[in-house]
Every structure is written in C-alpha cells, then in structure tokens.
C-alpha cells in the first residue's frame, strides 16, 4: 500500500515542481513585459496572453501539490483533540470526498477541453496565441491529480485506521 502512496505522491511532487517552474517563469515574464512596455513602448499580445496561460498550470497542478504538503486551510481546533483512529476516520472521509469531487470535475472538464480541441480554438486577438485547448487540458489534468492525491490520502487514512496500536511501556508491565 505504501508503494502505491509513494508513487502517487511522487507524481504529484514532480508536477508540483512544474507548477513552481511556471510560477518563476510567470514572474520573469511579467517583469520582462513591464520593461518592454515602459522601456520600448512595445506591448506584444502573445506575451500578455502567455501570462494568463501560465496561471492555468500554476493553479491546476498546484492544487494537488498543496494538498500533498498539507498547506491547505484546515480547522484543527477540534481535530487535534481526537484520538488517532478518529482522526484517521475523519481523514478517510475527507479523502474519499476529495476523490469523488476531483474525479467528477475532471470528467466534467474533459468535454470542455475536447470542444476547444475540436474547433481548433485560438486567441480572438490578432497576434494572440493559438491552441487554447492545451491550456484547457490543465483543468481535467489538475482535477484528476487532485483525485489521485485523495486516493493516496485515503490509503494513508486506511492504514492509520486499521493499524494496531503501538505497545507502550505501561502495557508491557
């Protein structure tokens, strides 16, 4: 079970690195666009659209990455008082909800992306970027990764739920 969890989270980690790289690229691109615009009075449409295009992989790949690293918003004031098995049960419920929501949204976004691909959607602006379906592909991919992280979390919670309690010094005497 741990091998499956590690493989899933390794995929999430790798694609999270891609999201981080896109974030760095976005910062550099915005800086370059500002310098070009105010320094040379040039404002290329394609570079401006590329800024918007980079937001998609940052957000959609970043969702599962944030969840993997537990950097999401949590309300722990009650949770931390639970016993280990109760926490595992809450985690299992949350992970299963994550799986279902992620899978449903990935499925729902698939048709949206395919429609864009079939019509060859591109930028309506002159000089804009073509192939919008490539950016829209991050929607089903991101939600599928979210569901995969939910599977990893569910397996981890099941492990915690059915684990035998450790033997303490008090139990031995």
Protein backbone atom coordinates (compact mmCIF):
# COMPACT_ATOMS: atom_id res chain seq x y z
CA UNK A 1 0.00 0.00 0.00
CA UNK A 2 2.83 2.40 0.85
CA UNK A 3 4.41 1.78 -2.55
CA UNK A 4 1.20 2.99 -4.22
CA UNK A 5 1.03 6.04 -1.95
CA UNK A 6 4.67 6.89 -2.67
CA UNK A 7 4.21 6.52 -6.45
CA UNK A 8 1.12 8.72 -6.48
CA UNK A 9 2.78 11.38 -4.36
CA UNK A 10 5.96 11.23 -6.44
CA UNK A 11 3.83 12.10 -9.50
CA UNK A 12 2.18 14.94 -7.56
CA UNK A 13 5.59 16.19 -6.43
CA UNK A 14 7.00 16.11 -9.98
CA UNK A 15 4.07 18.02 -11.45
CA UNK A 16 4.18 20.40 -8.47
CA UNK A 17 7.74 21.20 -9.49
CA UNK A 18 6.41 22.04 -12.94
CA UNK A 19 3.90 24.41 -11.31
CA UNK A 20 6.72 26.07 -9.36
CA UNK A 21 8.74 26.47 -12.57
CA UNK A 22 5.71 28.05 -14.26
CA UNK A 23 5.40 30.46 -11.34
CA UNK A 24 9.02 31.53 -11.73
CA UNK A 25 8.51 31.88 -15.48
CA UNK A 26 5.40 33.99 -14.86
CA UNK A 27 7.31 36.36 -12.56
CA UNK A 28 10.09 36.72 -15.13
CA UNK A 29 7.60 37.19 -17.97
CA UNK A 30 5.63 39.89 -16.15
CA UNK A 31 8.87 41.69 -15.32
CA UNK A 32 10.01 41.49 -18.94
CA UNK A 33 6.62 42.69 -20.20
CA UNK A 34 6.75 45.70 -17.89
CA UNK A 35 10.28 46.56 -19.04
CA UNK A 36 9.35 46.15 -22.71
CA UNK A 37 6.15 48.14 -22.34
CA UNK A 38 7.62 51.09 -20.45
CA UNK A 39 11.16 50.94 -21.82
CA UNK A 40 10.44 50.42 -25.51
CA UNK A 41 6.72 51.26 -25.77
CA UNK A 42 6.00 47.78 -27.18
CA UNK A 43 3.21 45.55 -25.89
CA UNK A 44 3.11 42.15 -27.64
CA UNK A 45 -0.29 40.48 -27.31
CA UNK A 46 1.20 36.98 -27.32
CA UNK A 47 3.39 37.71 -24.30
CA UNK A 48 0.43 39.17 -22.40
CA UNK A 49 -1.65 36.09 -23.20
CA UNK A 50 1.22 33.85 -22.16
CA UNK A 51 0.97 35.42 -18.70
CA UNK A 52 -2.65 34.27 -18.49
CA UNK A 53 -1.79 30.88 -19.94
CA UNK A 54 0.80 30.27 -17.21
CA UNK A 55 -1.80 30.73 -14.49
CA UNK A 56 -3.55 27.51 -15.54
CA UNK A 57 -0.70 25.08 -14.79
CA UNK A 58 0.20 27.01 -11.64
CA UNK A 59 -3.32 26.72 -10.25
CA UNK A 60 -4.33 23.32 -11.55
CA UNK A 61 -1.09 21.48 -10.80
CA UNK A 62 -0.68 23.40 -7.58
CA UNK A 63 -3.97 22.21 -6.06
CA UNK A 64 -2.84 18.63 -5.52
CA UNK A 65 0.69 19.76 -4.59
CA UNK A 66 -0.70 21.99 -1.84
CA UNK A 67 -2.92 19.17 -0.61
CA UNK A 68 0.03 16.74 -0.54
CA UNK A 69 2.08 19.14 1.59
CA UNK A 70 -0.88 19.93 3.88
CA UNK A 71 -0.59 23.63 3.07
CA UNK A 72 -4.35 23.87 2.60
CA UNK A 73 -6.66 25.59 5.07
CA UNK A 74 -7.68 23.29 7.88
CA UNK A 75 -9.76 23.76 11.00
CA UNK A 76 -7.75 21.83 13.56
CA UNK A 77 -9.05 23.12 16.88
CA UNK A 78 -11.33 20.06 17.25
CA UNK A 79 -9.40 17.59 15.08
CA UNK A 80 -6.22 17.75 17.16
CA UNK A 81 -8.16 16.63 20.26
CA UNK A 82 -9.36 13.42 18.56
CA UNK A 83 -7.72 10.08 19.14
CA UNK A 84 -5.56 8.67 16.31
CA UNK A 85 -8.27 6.35 14.95
CA UNK A 86 -10.91 9.08 15.00
CA UNK A 87 -8.52 11.37 13.11
CA UNK A 88 -7.91 8.57 10.59
CA UNK A 89 -11.68 8.16 10.13
CA UNK A 90 -12.11 11.91 9.53
CA UNK A 91 -9.15 11.83 7.13
CA UNK A 92 -10.67 8.87 5.29
CA UNK A 93 -13.99 10.67 4.86
CA UNK A 94 -12.20 13.81 3.65
CA UNK A 95 -10.02 11.82 1.27
CA UNK A 96 -12.99 9.98 -0.22
CA UNK A 97 -14.80 13.30 -0.72
CA UNK A 98 -11.66 14.65 -2.38
CA UNK A 99 -11.56 11.63 -4.72
CA UNK A 100 -15.19 11.98 -5.71
CA UNK A 101 -15.08 15.73 -6.24
CA UNK A 102 -11.80 15.57 -8.17
CA UNK A 103 -12.98 12.72 -10.40
CA UNK A 104 -16.31 14.41 -11.12
CA UNK A 105 -14.67 17.73 -12.01
CA UNK A 106 -12.06 16.01 -14.19
CA UNK A 107 -14.85 14.21 -16.03
CA UNK A 108 -16.89 17.42 -16.38
CA UNK A 109 -13.92 19.43 -17.68
CA UNK A 110 -12.92 16.80 -20.22
CA UNK A 111 -15.74 17.71 -22.63
CA UNK A 112 -14.95 21.42 -22.24
CA UNK A 113 -11.34 20.78 -23.25
CA UNK A 114 -12.31 18.45 -26.11
CA UNK A 115 -14.73 21.01 -27.54
CA UNK A 116 -11.90 23.54 -27.62
CA UNK A 117 -9.66 21.00 -29.37
CA UNK A 118 -12.29 20.05 -31.95
CA UNK A 119 -12.93 23.63 -33.04
CA UNK A 120 -9.23 24.50 -33.01
CA UNK A 121 -9.83 27.33 -30.56
CA UNK A 122 -7.22 30.04 -30.52
CA UNK A 123 -6.95 33.61 -29.39
CA UNK A 124 -9.53 36.02 -30.80
CA UNK A 125 -6.92 38.79 -30.67
CA UNK A 126 -4.58 39.47 -33.60
CA UNK A 127 -1.12 38.23 -32.67
CA UNK A 128 -2.52 36.09 -29.87
CA UNK A 129 -1.62 32.51 -29.06
CA UNK A 130 -3.23 29.52 -30.79
CA UNK A 131 -4.16 26.13 -29.30
CA UNK A 132 -6.22 27.15 -26.28
CA UNK A 133 -7.12 23.50 -25.71
CA UNK A 134 -3.58 22.95 -24.41
CA UNK A 135 -4.27 25.35 -21.57
CA UNK A 136 -7.77 23.98 -21.01
CA UNK A 137 -6.22 20.50 -20.73
CA UNK A 138 -4.89 21.52 -17.33
CA UNK A 139 -8.46 21.52 -15.99
CA UNK A 140 -9.13 17.77 -16.26
CA UNK A 141 -5.47 17.01 -15.52
CA UNK A 142 -5.45 19.14 -12.38
CA UNK A 143 -8.67 17.69 -11.03
CA UNK A 144 -7.52 14.14 -11.86
CA UNK A 145 -4.34 14.79 -9.87
CA UNK A 146 -6.49 16.14 -7.05
CA UNK A 147 -8.43 12.85 -7.11
CA UNK A 148 -5.16 10.87 -7.13
CA UNK A 149 -3.93 12.77 -4.08
CA UNK A 150 -7.28 11.91 -2.49
CA UNK A 151 -6.60 8.23 -3.21
CA UNK A 152 -3.17 8.50 -1.60
CA UNK A 153 -4.71 10.21 1.42
CA UNK A 154 -7.46 7.56 1.63
CA UNK A 155 -4.89 4.76 1.60
CA UNK A 156 -2.88 6.53 4.28
CA UNK A 157 -6.02 7.01 6.39
CA UNK A 158 -6.96 3.33 5.97
CA UNK A 159 -3.50 2.39 7.13
CA UNK A 160 -3.94 4.57 10.22
CA UNK A 161 -7.44 3.32 10.83
CA UNK A 162 -6.53 -0.36 10.79
CA UNK A 163 -3.06 -0.13 12.29
CA UNK A 164 -2.50 -1.92 15.54
CA UNK A 165 -1.73 0.43 18.38
CA UNK A 166 1.93 0.50 19.41
CA UNK A 167 2.86 -1.32 22.59
CA UNK A 168 3.78 1.18 25.28
CA UNK A 169 5.81 0.64 28.42
CA UNK A 170 2.65 0.70 30.54
CA UNK A 171 1.12 -2.18 28.54
CA UNK A 172 4.19 -4.38 28.99
CA UNK A 173 4.16 -4.25 32.81
